[in-house]
Amino acid sequence: CPGVDVKLTNGVAAFRAFLKTEFSEENLEFWLACEEFKKTRSTAKLVSKAHRIFEEFVDVQAPREVNIDFQTREATRKNMQEPSLTCFDQAQGKVHSLMEKDSYPRFLRSKMYLDLLSQSQRRLS
């Protein structure tokens, strides 16, 4: 379905915009960075990408620090000694769970989402 990618892209963009209003867009950005990271095939690029993601999102006082517990942060720090495609899985899971239980339900009740939904329904009718 050619329209599915557009709808998904619009949905992600709307969710990102909503998270910006809540000052928590770093959660989605981290999750998306991890998804992209898992597609890395070059070992040399894997190490540099892992460190960039860690420094941007996971490290204490990172510019876009995600909200994860100390144990997860430390486990991820240890994973940086030998980065692999799964080195962010625990942290990504925590962030996903946080968005699923907190941000996403609020987004589904937000005016931003309801407006997007009504626009989409108008296009279909």
PDB file of N, CA and C in Angstrom:
ATOM      1  N   CYS A   1       0.831  -1.189   0.000  1.00  0.00           N
ATOM      2  CA  CYS A   1       0.000   0.000   0.000  1.00  0.00           C
ATOM      3  C   CYS A   1       0.873   1.249   0.000  1.00  0.00           C
ATOM      4  N   PRO A   2       0.859   2.021  -1.073  1.00  0.00           N
ATOM      5  CA  PRO A   2       1.699   3.222  -1.127  1.00  0.00           C
ATOM      6  C   PRO A   2       1.351   4.258  -0.068  1.00  0.00           C
ATOM      7  N   GLY A   3       0.083   4.345   0.347  1.00  0.00           N
ATOM      8  CA  GLY A   3      -0.317   5.346   1.327  1.00  0.00           C
ATOM      9  C   GLY A   3       0.120   5.046   2.744  1.00  0.00           C
ATOM     10  N   VAL A   4       0.481   3.789   3.024  1.00  0.00           N
ATOM     11  CA  VAL A   4       0.831   3.392   4.390  1.00  0.00           C
ATOM     12  C   VAL A   4       2.078   4.127   4.877  1.00  0.00           C
ATOM     13  N   ASP A   5       3.129   4.205   4.040  1.00  0.00           N
ATOM     14  CA  ASP A   5       4.354   4.900   4.443  1.00  0.00           C
ATOM     15  C   ASP A   5       4.095   6.369   4.746  1.00  0.00           C
ATOM     16  N   VAL A   6       3.262   6.998   3.941  1.00  0.00           N
ATOM     17  CA  VAL A   6       2.933   8.413   4.152  1.00  0.00           C
ATOM     18  C   VAL A   6       2.192   8.575   5.470  1.00  0.00           C
ATOM     19  N   LYS A   7       1.223   7.687   5.732  1.00  0.00           N
ATOM     20  CA  LYS A   7       0.460   7.768   6.979  1.00  0.00           C
ATOM     21  C   LYS A   7       1.366   7.550   8.176  1.00  0.00           C
ATOM     22  N   LEU A   8       2.266   6.569   8.080  1.00  0.00           N
ATOM     23  CA  LEU A   8       3.196   6.291   9.166  1.00  0.00           C
ATOM     24  C   LEU A   8       4.109   7.496   9.395  1.00  0.00           C
ATOM     25  N   THR A   9       4.640   8.050   8.311  1.00  0.00           N
ATOM     26  CA  THR A   9       5.506   9.227   8.409  1.00  0.00           C
ATOM     27  C   THR A   9       4.755  10.392   9.039  1.00  0.00           C
ATOM     28  N   ASN A  10       3.499  10.612   8.612  1.00  0.00           N
ATOM     29  CA  ASN A  10       2.694  11.695   9.192  1.00  0.00           C
ATOM     30  C   ASN A  10       2.417  11.435  10.663  1.00  0.00           C
ATOM     31  N   GLY A  11       2.154  10.178  11.013  1.00  0.00           N
ATOM     32  CA  GLY A  11       1.892   9.816  12.410  1.00  0.00           C
ATOM     33  C   GLY A  11       3.106  10.035  13.284  1.00  0.00           C
ATOM     34  N   VAL A  12       4.282   9.619  12.797  1.00  0.00           N
ATOM     35  CA  VAL A  12       5.527   9.817  13.552  1.00  0.00           C
ATOM     36  C   VAL A  12       5.805  11.311  13.699  1.00  0.00           C
ATOM     37  N   ALA A  13       5.594  12.064  12.625  1.00  0.00           N
ATOM     38  CA  ALA A  13       5.824  13.518  12.678  1.00  0.00           C
ATOM     39  C   ALA A  13       4.877  14.169  13.689  1.00  0.00           C
ATOM     40  N   ALA A  14       3.628  13.726  13.698  1.00  0.00           N
ATOM     41  CA  ALA A  14       2.656  14.292  14.646  1.00  0.00           C
ATOM     42  C   ALA A  14       3.030  13.925  16.080  1.00  0.00           C
ATOM     43  N   PHE A  15       3.440  12.676  16.301  1.00  0.00           N
ATOM     44  CA  PHE A  15       3.843  12.248  17.646  1.00  0.00           C
ATOM     45  C   PHE A  15       5.081  13.020  18.093  1.00  0.00           C
ATOM     46  N   ARG A  16       6.030  13.230  17.172  1.00  0.00           N
ATOM     47  CA  ARG A  16       7.240  14.001  17.482  1.00  0.00           C
ATOM     48  C   ARG A  16       6.856  15.434  17.868  1.00  0.00           C
ATOM     49  N   ALA A  17       5.957  16.039  17.117  1.00  0.00           N
ATOM     50  CA  ALA A  17       5.523  17.414  17.413  1.00  0.00           C
ATOM     51  C   ALA A  17       4.849  17.471  18.785  1.00  0.00           C
ATOM     52  N   PHE A  18       4.027  16.467  19.087  1.00  0.00           N
ATOM     53  CA  PHE A  18       3.376  16.405  20.397  1.00  0.00           C
ATOM     54  C   PHE A  18       4.422  16.296  21.504  1.00  0.00           C
ATOM     55  N   LEU A  19       5.416  15.420  21.323  1.00  0.00           N
ATOM     56  CA  LEU A  19       6.451  15.235  22.347  1.00  0.00           C
ATOM     57  C   LEU A  19       7.247  16.518  22.565  1.00  0.00           C
ATOM     58  N   LYS A  20       7.425  17.295  21.503  1.00  0.00           N
ATOM     59  CA  LYS A  20       8.119  18.582  21.650  1.00  0.00           C
ATOM     60  C   LYS A  20       7.339  19.500  22.580  1.00  0.00           C
ATOM     61  N   THR A  21       6.017  19.462  22.490  1.00  0.00           N
ATOM     62  CA  THR A  21       5.217  20.309  23.372  1.00  0.00           C
ATOM     63  C   THR A  21       5.343  19.858  24.817  1.00  0.00           C
ATOM     64  N   GLU A  22       5.697  18.597  25.019  1.00  0.00           N
ATOM     65  CA  GLU A  22       5.873  18.049  26.370  1.00  0.00           C
ATOM     66  C   GLU A  22       7.342  18.021  26.795  1.00  0.00           C
ATOM     67  N   PHE A  23       8.213  18.538  25.956  1.00  0.00           N
ATOM     68  CA  PHE A  23       9.659  18.542  26.211  1.00  0.00           C
ATOM     69  C   PHE A  23      10.195  17.125  26.426  1.00  0.00           C
ATOM     70  N   SER A  24       9.705  16.174  25.634  1.00  0.00           N
ATOM     71  CA  SER A  24      10.208  14.798  25.764  1.00  0.00           C
ATOM     72  C   SER A  24      10.430  14.133  24.411  1.00  0.00           C
ATOM     73  N   GLU A  25      10.702  14.936  23.379  1.00  0.00           N
ATOM     74  CA  GLU A  25      10.912  14.352  22.047  1.00  0.00           C
ATOM     75  C   GLU A  25      12.168  13.501  21.972  1.00  0.00           C
ATOM     76  N   GLU A  26      13.095  13.686  22.945  1.00  0.00           N
ATOM     77  CA  GLU A  26      14.320  12.881  22.932  1.00  0.00           C
ATOM     78  C   GLU A  26      14.011  11.387  23.045  1.00  0.00           C
ATOM     79  N   ASN A  27      12.892  11.039  23.669  1.00  0.00           N
ATOM     80  CA  ASN A  27      12.540   9.618  23.785  1.00  0.00           C
ATOM     81  C   ASN A  27      12.295   8.998  22.409  1.00  0.00           C
ATOM     82  N   LEU A  28      11.490   9.668  21.591  1.00  0.00           N
ATOM     83  CA  LEU A  28      11.227   9.166  20.239  1.00  0.00           C
ATOM     84  C   LEU A  28      12.493   9.224  19.388  1.00  0.00           C
ATOM     85  N   GLU A  29      13.246  10.313  19.511  1.00  0.00           N
ATOM     86  CA  GLU A  29      14.484  10.445  18.728  1.00  0.00           C
ATOM     87  C   GLU A  29      15.467   9.318  19.068  1.00  0.00           C
ATOM     88  N   PHE A  30      15.583   8.993  20.352  1.00  0.00           N
ATOM     89  CA  PHE A  30      16.453   7.893  20.780  1.00  0.00           C
ATOM     90  C   PHE A  30      15.948   6.571  20.217  1.00  0.00           C
ATOM     91  N   TRP A  31      14.649   6.325  20.330  1.00  0.00           N
ATOM     92  CA  TRP A  31      14.077   5.076  19.847  1.00  0.00           C
ATOM     93  C   TRP A  31      14.320   4.922  18.343  1.00  0.00           C
ATOM     94  N   LEU A  32      14.091   5.999  17.590  1.00  0.00           N
ATOM     95  CA  LEU A  32      14.324   5.972  16.140  1.00  0.00           C
ATOM     96  C   LEU A  32      15.807   5.787  15.819  1.00  0.00           C
ATOM     97  N   ALA A  33      16.693   6.432  16.581  1.00  0.00           N
ATOM     98  CA  ALA A  33      18.141   6.275  16.374  1.00  0.00           C
ATOM     99  C   ALA A  33      18.558   4.820  16.603  1.00  0.00           C
ATOM    100  N   CYS A  34      17.963   4.178  17.616  1.00  0.00           N
ATOM    101  CA  CYS A  34      18.269   2.766  17.896  1.00  0.00           C
ATOM    102  C   CYS A  34      17.797   1.873  16.757  1.00  0.00           C
ATOM    103  N   GLU A  35      16.612   2.163  16.229  1.00  0.00           N
ATOM    104  CA  GLU A  35      16.096   1.374  15.108  1.00  0.00           C
ATOM    105  C   GLU A  35      17.018   1.493  13.898  1.00  0.00           C
ATOM    106  N   GLU A  36      17.467   2.698  13.621  1.00  0.00           N
ATOM    107  CA  GLU A  36      18.385   2.931  12.510  1.00  0.00           C
ATOM    108  C   GLU A  36      19.730   2.248  12.783  1.00  0.00           C
ATOM    109  N   PHE A  37      20.196   2.340  14.018  1.00  0.00           N
ATOM    110  CA  PHE A  37      21.472   1.736  14.432  1.00  0.00           C
ATOM    111  C   PHE A  37      21.474   0.226  14.174  1.00  0.00           C
ATOM    112  N   LYS A  38      20.346  -0.429  14.429  1.00  0.00           N
ATOM    113  CA  LYS A  38      20.252  -1.883  14.260  1.00  0.00           C
ATOM    114  C   LYS A  38      20.420  -2.317  12.807  1.00  0.00           C
ATOM    115  N   LYS A  39      20.316  -1.380  11.878  1.00  0.00           N
ATOM    116  CA  LYS A  39      20.489  -1.690  10.450  1.00  0.00           C
ATOM    117  C   LYS A  39      21.951  -1.584  10.021  1.00  0.00           C
ATOM    118  N   THR A  40      22.826  -1.157  10.934  1.00  0.00           N
ATOM    119  CA  THR A  40      24.240  -0.951  10.612  1.00  0.00           C
ATOM    120  C   THR A  40      24.898  -2.285  10.275  1.00  0.00           C
ATOM    121  N   ARG A  41      25.601  -2.322   9.164  1.00  0.00           N
ATOM    122  CA  ARG A  41      26.270  -3.559   8.739  1.00  0.00           C
ATOM    123  C   ARG A  41      27.791  -3.467   8.856  1.00  0.00           C
ATOM    124  N   SER A  42      28.323  -2.273   8.864  1.00  0.00           N
ATOM    125  CA  SER A  42      29.772  -2.084   8.947  1.00  0.00           C
ATOM    126  C   SER A  42      30.217  -2.043  10.411  1.00  0.00           C
ATOM    127  N   THR A  43      31.159  -2.899  10.769  1.00  0.00           N
ATOM    128  CA  THR A  43      31.657  -2.945  12.147  1.00  0.00           C
ATOM    129  C   THR A  43      32.283  -1.609  12.552  1.00  0.00           C
ATOM    130  N   ALA A  44      33.029  -1.006  11.642  1.00  0.00           N
ATOM    131  CA  ALA A  44      33.674   0.281  11.944  1.00  0.00           C
ATOM    132  C   ALA A  44      32.622   1.352  12.228  1.00  0.00           C
ATOM    133  N   LYS A  45      31.569   1.399  11.424  1.00  0.00           N
ATOM    134  CA  LYS A  45      30.514   2.390  11.626  1.00  0.00           C
ATOM    135  C   LYS A  45      29.717   2.082  12.890  1.00  0.00           C
ATOM    136  N   LEU A  46      29.557   0.799  13.204  1.00  0.00           N
ATOM    137  CA  LEU A  46      28.784   0.383  14.372  1.00  0.00           C
ATOM    138  C   LEU A  46      29.344   1.015  15.644  1.00  0.00           C
ATOM    139  N   VAL A  47      30.651   0.931  15.815  1.00  0.00           N
ATOM    140  CA  VAL A  47      31.294   1.463  17.022  1.00  0.00           C
ATOM    141  C   VAL A  47      31.102   2.975  17.119  1.00  0.00           C
ATOM    142  N   SER A  48      31.349   3.687  16.029  1.00  0.00           N
ATOM    143  CA  SER A  48      31.221   5.151  16.086  1.00  0.00           C
ATOM    144  C   SER A  48      29.756   5.572  16.276  1.00  0.00           C
ATOM    145  N   LYS A  49      28.823   4.891  15.607  1.00  0.00           N
ATOM    146  CA  LYS A  49      27.402   5.207  15.784  1.00  0.00           C
ATOM    147  C   LYS A  49      26.953   4.933  17.219  1.00  0.00           C
ATOM    148  N   ALA A  50      27.420   3.820  17.780  1.00  0.00           N
ATOM    149  CA  ALA A  50      27.044   3.467  19.162  1.00  0.00           C
ATOM    150  C   ALA A  50      27.495   4.560  20.124  1.00  0.00           C
ATOM    151  N   HIS A  51      28.723   5.011  19.970  1.00  0.00           N
ATOM    152  CA  HIS A  51      29.240   6.043  20.875  1.00  0.00           C
ATOM    153  C   HIS A  51      28.502   7.366  20.684  1.00  0.00           C
ATOM    154  N   ARG A  52      28.145   7.680  19.438  1.00  0.00           N
ATOM    155  CA  ARG A  52      27.408   8.923  19.174  1.00  0.00           C
ATOM    156  C   ARG A  52      26.036   8.870  19.848  1.00  0.00           C
ATOM    157  N   ILE A  53      25.334   7.749  19.719  1.00  0.00           N
ATOM    158  CA  ILE A  53      24.013   7.599  20.341  1.00  0.00           C
ATOM    159  C   ILE A  53      24.135   7.662  21.863  1.00  0.00           C
ATOM    160  N   PHE A  54      25.139   6.970  22.403  1.00  0.00           N
ATOM    161  CA  PHE A  54      25.333   6.970  23.851  1.00  0.00           C
ATOM    162  C   PHE A  54      25.583   8.390  24.358  1.00  0.00           C
ATOM    163  N   GLU A  55      26.484   9.107  23.684  1.00  0.00           N
ATOM    164  CA  GLU A  55      26.832  10.462  24.123  1.00  0.00           C
ATOM    165  C   GLU A  55      25.681  11.446  23.941  1.00  0.00           C
ATOM    166  N   GLU A  56      24.848  11.217  22.940  1.00  0.00           N
ATOM    167  CA  GLU A  56      23.746  12.140  22.679  1.00  0.00           C
ATOM    168  C   GLU A  56      22.528  11.893  23.569  1.00  0.00           C
ATOM    169  N   PHE A  57      22.263  10.612  23.907  1.00  0.00           N
ATOM    170  CA  PHE A  57      21.012  10.276  24.581  1.00  0.00           C
ATOM    171  C   PHE A  57      21.139   9.586  25.937  1.00  0.00           C
ATOM    172  N   VAL A  58      22.184   8.806  26.147  1.00  0.00           N
ATOM    173  CA  VAL A  58      22.217   7.918  27.317  1.00  0.00           C
ATOM    174  C   VAL A  58      23.103   8.437  28.442  1.00  0.00           C
ATOM    175  N   ASP A  59      24.240   8.977  28.116  1.00  0.00           N
ATOM    176  CA  ASP A  59      25.186   9.424  29.141  1.00  0.00           C
ATOM    177  C   ASP A  59      24.534  10.455  30.062  1.00  0.00           C
ATOM    178  N   VAL A  60      24.976  10.480  31.308  1.00  0.00           N
ATOM    179  CA  VAL A  60      24.479  11.475  32.253  1.00  0.00           C
ATOM    180  C   VAL A  60      24.824  12.865  31.702  1.00  0.00           C
ATOM    181  N   GLN A  61      23.861  13.759  31.735  1.00  0.00           N
ATOM    182  CA  GLN A  61      24.009  15.116  31.211  1.00  0.00           C
ATOM    183  C   GLN A  61      24.186  15.151  29.686  1.00  0.00           C
ATOM    184  N   ALA A  62      23.758  14.096  28.993  1.00  0.00           N
ATOM    185  CA  ALA A  62      23.785  14.097  27.525  1.00  0.00           C
ATOM    186  C   ALA A  62      22.895  15.239  27.030  1.00  0.00           C
ATOM    187  N   PRO A  63      23.195  15.806  25.865  1.00  0.00           N
ATOM    188  CA  PRO A  63      22.384  16.927  25.367  1.00  0.00           C
ATOM    189  C   PRO A  63      20.895  16.598  25.273  1.00  0.00           C
ATOM    190  N   ARG A  64      20.570  15.353  24.920  1.00  0.00           N
ATOM    191  CA  ARG A  64      19.159  14.946  24.817  1.00  0.00           C
ATOM    192  C   ARG A  64      18.944  13.689  25.666  1.00  0.00           C
ATOM    193  N   GLU A  65      19.346  13.785  26.905  1.00  0.00           N
ATOM    194  CA  GLU A  65      19.316  12.643  27.829  1.00  0.00           C
ATOM    195  C   GLU A  65      17.911  12.061  27.981  1.00  0.00           C
ATOM    196  N   VAL A  66      17.816  10.729  27.781  1.00  0.00           N
ATOM    197  CA  VAL A  66      16.531  10.049  27.958  1.00  0.00           C
ATOM    198  C   VAL A  66      16.349   9.667  29.421  1.00  0.00           C
ATOM    199  N   ASN A  67      15.106   9.502  29.794  1.00  0.00           N
ATOM    200  CA  ASN A  67      14.755   9.207  31.178  1.00  0.00           C
ATOM    201  C   ASN A  67      14.792   7.697  31.415  1.00  0.00           C
ATOM    202  N   ILE A  68      15.948   7.177  31.838  1.00  0.00           N
ATOM    203  CA  ILE A  68      16.077   5.759  32.166  1.00  0.00           C
ATOM    204  C   ILE A  68      16.700   5.636  33.554  1.00  0.00           C
ATOM    205  N   ASP A  69      16.487   4.487  34.173  1.00  0.00           N
ATOM    206  CA  ASP A  69      16.997   4.283  35.522  1.00  0.00           C
ATOM    207  C   ASP A  69      18.517   4.060  35.510  1.00  0.00           C
ATOM    208  N   PHE A  70      19.113   4.196  36.681  1.00  0.00           N
ATOM    209  CA  PHE A  70      20.559   4.091  36.843  1.00  0.00           C
ATOM    210  C   PHE A  70      21.096   2.749  36.340  1.00  0.00           C
ATOM    211  N   GLN A  71      20.421   1.643  36.701  1.00  0.00           N
ATOM    212  CA  GLN A  71      20.899   0.309  36.315  1.00  0.00           C
ATOM    213  C   GLN A  71      20.931   0.155  34.794  1.00  0.00           C
ATOM    214  N   THR A  72      19.906   0.638  34.132  1.00  0.00           N
ATOM    215  CA  THR A  72      19.853   0.544  32.662  1.00  0.00           C
ATOM    216  C   THR A  72      20.950   1.402  32.038  1.00  0.00           C
ATOM    217  N   ARG A  73      21.138   2.590  32.595  1.00  0.00           N
ATOM    218  CA  ARG A  73      22.188   3.482  32.077  1.00  0.00           C
ATOM    219  C   ARG A  73      23.561   2.833  32.230  1.00  0.00           C
ATOM    220  N   GLU A  74      23.788   2.226  33.391  1.00  0.00           N
ATOM    221  CA  GLU A  74      25.094   1.585  33.641  1.00  0.00           C
ATOM    222  C   GLU A  74      25.290   0.332  32.781  1.00  0.00           C
ATOM    223  N   ALA A  75      24.230  -0.439  32.596  1.00  0.00           N
ATOM    224  CA  ALA A  75      24.318  -1.630  31.732  1.00  0.00           C
ATOM    225  C   ALA A  75      24.652  -1.206  30.297  1.00  0.00           C
ATOM    226  N   THR A  76      24.037  -0.119  29.862  1.00  0.00           N
ATOM    227  CA  THR A  76      24.305   0.389  28.515  1.00  0.00           C
ATOM    228  C   THR A  76      25.736   0.922  28.427  1.00  0.00           C
ATOM    229  N   ARG A  77      26.198   1.564  29.493  1.00  0.00           N
ATOM    230  CA  ARG A  77      27.586   2.051  29.519  1.00  0.00           C
ATOM    231  C   ARG A  77      28.554   0.875  29.368  1.00  0.00           C
ATOM    232  N   LYS A  78      28.284  -0.218  30.057  1.00  0.00           N
ATOM    233  CA  LYS A  78      29.141  -1.416  29.947  1.00  0.00           C
ATOM    234  C   LYS A  78      29.100  -1.981  28.532  1.00  0.00           C
ATOM    235  N   ASN A  79      27.931  -1.929  27.916  1.00  0.00           N
ATOM    236  CA  ASN A  79      27.804  -2.417  26.536  1.00  0.00           C
ATOM    237  C   ASN A  79      28.666  -1.616  25.559  1.00  0.00           C
ATOM    238  N   MET A  80      29.000  -0.394  25.914  1.00  0.00           N
ATOM    239  CA  MET A  80      29.815   0.454  25.047  1.00  0.00           C
ATOM    240  C   MET A  80      31.256  -0.043  24.968  1.00  0.00           C
ATOM    241  N   GLN A  81      31.678  -0.896  25.901  1.00  0.00           N
ATOM    242  CA  GLN A  81      33.041  -1.451  25.847  1.00  0.00           C
ATOM    243  C   GLN A  81      33.215  -2.320  24.603  1.00  0.00           C
ATOM    244  N   GLU A  82      32.136  -3.020  24.224  1.00  0.00           N
ATOM    245  CA  GLU A  82      32.138  -3.809  22.992  1.00  0.00           C
ATOM    246  C   GLU A  82      30.777  -3.647  22.324  1.00  0.00           C
ATOM    247  N   PRO A  83      30.578  -2.529  21.636  1.00  0.00           N
ATOM    248  CA  PRO A  83      29.263  -2.259  21.043  1.00  0.00           C
ATOM    249  C   PRO A  83      28.821  -3.359  20.062  1.00  0.00           C
ATOM    250  N   SER A  84      27.540  -3.672  20.115  1.00  0.00           N
ATOM    251  CA  SER A  84      26.946  -4.636  19.187  1.00  0.00           C
ATOM    252  C   SER A  84      25.587  -4.090  18.765  1.00  0.00           C
ATOM    253  N   LEU A  85      24.939  -4.772  17.840  1.00  0.00           N
ATOM    254  CA  LEU A  85      23.628  -4.319  17.369  1.00  0.00           C
ATOM    255  C   LEU A  85      22.580  -4.324  18.481  1.00  0.00           C
ATOM    256  N   THR A  86      22.853  -5.042  19.576  1.00  0.00           N
ATOM    257  CA  THR A  86      21.885  -5.140  20.678  1.00  0.00           C
ATOM    258  C   THR A  86      22.275  -4.295  21.894  1.00  0.00           C
ATOM    259  N   CYS A  87      23.307  -3.482  21.783  1.00  0.00           N
ATOM    260  CA  CYS A  87      23.831  -2.777  22.959  1.00  0.00           C
ATOM    261  C   CYS A  87      22.843  -1.773  23.572  1.00  0.00           C
ATOM    262  N   PHE A  88      21.853  -1.333  22.803  1.00  0.00           N
ATOM    263  CA  PHE A  88      20.877  -0.372  23.328  1.00  0.00           C
ATOM    264  C   PHE A  88      19.522  -1.006  23.628  1.00  0.00           C
ATOM    265  N   ASP A  89      19.407  -2.313  23.456  1.00  0.00           N
ATOM    266  CA  ASP A  89      18.102  -2.971  23.577  1.00  0.00           C
ATOM    267  C   ASP A  89      17.412  -2.705  24.915  1.00  0.00           C
ATOM    268  N   GLN A  90      18.148  -2.816  26.006  1.00  0.00           N
ATOM    269  CA  GLN A  90      17.541  -2.615  27.325  1.00  0.00           C
ATOM    270  C   GLN A  90      17.053  -1.171  27.475  1.00  0.00           C
ATOM    271  N   ALA A  91      17.902  -0.216  27.131  1.00  0.00           N
ATOM    272  CA  ALA A  91      17.530   1.201  27.243  1.00  0.00           C
ATOM    273  C   ALA A  91      16.388   1.535  26.287  1.00  0.00           C
ATOM    274  N   GLN A  92      16.451   1.012  25.077  1.00  0.00           N
ATOM    275  CA  GLN A  92      15.388   1.270  24.108  1.00  0.00           C
ATOM    276  C   GLN A  92      14.067   0.684  24.602  1.00  0.00           C
ATOM    277  N   GLY A  93      14.130  -0.484  25.206  1.00  0.00           N
ATOM    278  CA  GLY A  93      12.927  -1.105  25.764  1.00  0.00           C
ATOM    279  C   GLY A  93      12.309  -0.262  26.864  1.00  0.00           C
ATOM    280  N   LYS A  94      13.149   0.295  27.735  1.00  0.00           N
ATOM    281  CA  LYS A  94      12.648   1.152  28.828  1.00  0.00           C
ATOM    282  C   LYS A  94      11.978   2.403  28.263  1.00  0.00           C
ATOM    283  N   VAL A  95      12.623   3.007  27.267  1.00  0.00           N
ATOM    284  CA  VAL A  95      12.077   4.227  26.666  1.00  0.00           C
ATOM    285  C   VAL A  95      10.773   3.906  25.929  1.00  0.00           C
ATOM    286  N   HIS A  96      10.749   2.782  25.225  1.00  0.00           N
ATOM    287  CA  HIS A  96       9.528   2.362  24.526  1.00  0.00           C
ATOM    288  C   HIS A  96       8.390   2.174  25.525  1.00  0.00           C
ATOM    289  N   SER A  97       8.682   1.508  26.621  1.00  0.00           N
ATOM    290  CA  SER A  97       7.678   1.256  27.656  1.00  0.00           C
ATOM    291  C   SER A  97       7.164   2.575  28.237  1.00  0.00           C
ATOM    292  N   LEU A  98       8.068   3.505  28.481  1.00  0.00           N
ATOM    293  CA  LEU A  98       7.694   4.815  29.007  1.00  0.00           C
ATOM    294  C   LEU A  98       6.759   5.542  28.040  1.00  0.00           C
ATOM    295  N   MET A  99       7.110   5.528  26.754  1.00  0.00           N
ATOM    296  CA  MET A  99       6.255   6.193  25.765  1.00  0.00           C
ATOM    297  C   MET A  99       4.906   5.481  25.660  1.00  0.00           C
ATOM    298  N   GLU A 100       4.942   4.144  25.665  1.00  0.00           N
ATOM    299  CA  GLU A 100       3.720   3.356  25.514  1.00  0.00           C
ATOM    300  C   GLU A 100       2.746   3.582  26.669  1.00  0.00           C
ATOM    301  N   LYS A 101       3.288   3.691  27.886  1.00  0.00           N
ATOM    302  CA  LYS A 101       2.429   3.825  29.069  1.00  0.00           C
ATOM    303  C   LYS A 101       2.088   5.266  29.406  1.00  0.00           C
ATOM    304  N   ASP A 102       2.881   6.207  28.935  1.00  0.00           N
ATOM    305  CA  ASP A 102       2.732   7.593  29.376  1.00  0.00           C
ATOM    306  C   ASP A 102       2.440   8.547  28.204  1.00  0.00           C
ATOM    307  N   SER A 103       3.433   8.793  27.375  1.00  0.00           N
ATOM    308  CA  SER A 103       3.314   9.812  26.323  1.00  0.00           C
ATOM    309  C   SER A 103       2.290   9.459  25.255  1.00  0.00           C
ATOM    310  N   TYR A 104       2.321   8.210  24.771  1.00  0.00           N
ATOM    311  CA  TYR A 104       1.458   7.841  23.653  1.00  0.00           C
ATOM    312  C   TYR A 104      -0.033   7.913  24.012  1.00  0.00           C
ATOM    313  N   PRO A 105      -0.452   7.395  25.176  1.00  0.00           N
ATOM    314  CA  PRO A 105      -1.875   7.555  25.528  1.00  0.00           C
ATOM    315  C   PRO A 105      -2.299   9.029  25.612  1.00  0.00           C
ATOM    316  N   ARG A 106      -1.410   9.884  26.119  1.00  0.00           N
ATOM    317  CA  ARG A 106      -1.725  11.324  26.172  1.00  0.00           C
ATOM    318  C   ARG A 106      -1.829  11.896  24.760  1.00  0.00           C
ATOM    319  N   PHE A 107      -0.927  11.443  23.882  1.00  0.00           N
ATOM    320  CA  PHE A 107      -0.960  11.886  22.486  1.00  0.00           C
ATOM    321  C   PHE A 107      -2.293  11.507  21.844  1.00  0.00           C
ATOM    322  N   LEU A 108      -2.761  10.279  22.096  1.00  0.00           N
ATOM    323  CA  LEU A 108      -4.023   9.817  21.495  1.00  0.00           C
ATOM    324  C   LEU A 108      -5.231  10.615  21.987  1.00  0.00           C
ATOM    325  N   ARG A 109      -5.090  11.272  23.132  1.00  0.00           N
ATOM    326  CA  ARG A 109      -6.174  12.111  23.657  1.00  0.00           C
ATOM    327  C   ARG A 109      -5.973  13.590  23.310  1.00  0.00           C
ATOM    328  N   SER A 110      -4.839  13.907  22.696  1.00  0.00           N
ATOM    329  CA  SER A 110      -4.504  15.318  22.442  1.00  0.00           C
ATOM    330  C   SER A 110      -5.287  15.892  21.268  1.00  0.00           C
ATOM    331  N   LYS A 111      -5.438  17.210  21.288  1.00  0.00           N
ATOM    332  CA  LYS A 111      -6.079  17.923  20.187  1.00  0.00           C
ATOM    333  C   LYS A 111      -5.287  17.704  18.902  1.00  0.00           C
ATOM    334  N   MET A 112      -3.967  17.670  19.000  1.00  0.00           N
ATOM    335  CA  MET A 112      -3.110  17.476  17.835  1.00  0.00           C
ATOM    336  C   MET A 112      -3.458  16.164  17.108  1.00  0.00           C
ATOM    337  N   TYR A 113      -3.587  15.081  17.868  1.00  0.00           N
ATOM    338  CA  TYR A 113      -3.915  13.785  17.269  1.00  0.00           C
ATOM    339  C   TYR A 113      -5.346  13.779  16.738  1.00  0.00           C
ATOM    340  N   LEU A 114      -6.273  14.305  17.526  1.00  0.00           N
ATOM    341  CA  LEU A 114      -7.677  14.312  17.105  1.00  0.00           C
ATOM    342  C   LEU A 114      -7.866  15.128  15.827  1.00  0.00           C
ATOM    343  N   ASP A 115      -7.120  16.227  15.687  1.00  0.00           N
ATOM    344  CA  ASP A 115      -7.157  17.025  14.456  1.00  0.00           C
ATOM    345  C   ASP A 115      -6.611  16.221  13.276  1.00  0.00           C
ATOM    346  N   LEU A 116      -5.489  15.531  13.494  1.00  0.00           N
ATOM    347  CA  LEU A 116      -4.881  14.708  12.452  1.00  0.00           C
ATOM    348  C   LEU A 116      -5.853  13.608  12.015  1.00  0.00           C
ATOM    349  N   LEU A 117      -6.501  12.990  12.985  1.00  0.00           N
ATOM    350  CA  LEU A 117      -7.454  11.924  12.718  1.00  0.00           C
ATOM    351  C   LEU A 117      -8.636  12.443  11.897  1.00  0.00           C
ATOM    352  N   SER A 118      -9.171  13.588  12.275  1.00  0.00           N
ATOM    353  CA  SER A 118     -10.330  14.117  11.536  1.00  0.00           C
ATOM    354  C   SER A 118      -9.918  14.530  10.123  1.00  0.00           C
ATOM    355  N   GLN A 119      -8.705  15.064   9.945  1.00  0.00           N
ATOM    356  CA  GLN A 119      -8.210  15.413   8.588  1.00  0.00           C
ATOM    357  C   GLN A 119      -8.116  14.153   7.743  1.00  0.00           C
ATOM    358  N   SER A 120      -7.582  13.093   8.335  1.00  0.00           N
ATOM    359  CA  SER A 120      -7.410  11.831   7.627  1.00  0.00           C
ATOM    360  C   SER A 120      -8.766  11.242   7.239  1.00  0.00           C
ATOM    361  N   GLN A 121      -9.726  11.304   8.142  1.00  0.00           N
ATOM    362  CA  GLN A 121     -11.056  10.770   7.864  1.00  0.00           C
ATOM    363  C   GLN A 121     -11.765  11.581   6.779  1.00  0.00           C
ATOM    364  N   ARG A 122     -11.535  12.893   6.768  1.00  0.00           N
ATOM    365  CA  ARG A 122     -12.141  13.749   5.713  1.00  0.00           C
ATOM    366  C   ARG A 122     -11.583  13.370   4.343  1.00  0.00           C
ATOM    367  N   ARG A 123     -10.267  13.062   4.303  1.00  0.00           N
ATOM    368  CA  ARG A 123      -9.649  12.694   3.021  1.00  0.00           C
ATOM    369  C   ARG A 123     -10.213  11.374   2.495  1.00  0.00           C
ATOM    370  N   LEU A 124     -10.576  10.483   3.408  1.00  0.00           N
ATOM    371  CA  LEU A 124     -11.094   9.169   3.007  1.00  0.00           C
ATOM    372  C   LEU A 124     -12.547   9.232   2.553  1.00  0.00           C
ATOM    373  N   SER A 125     -13.289  10.272   2.966  1.00  0.00           N
ATOM    374  CA  SER A 125     -14.709  10.332   2.600  1.00  0.00           C
ATOM    375  C   SER A 125     -14.950  11.053   1.309  1.00  0.00           C
TER     376      SER A 125
END
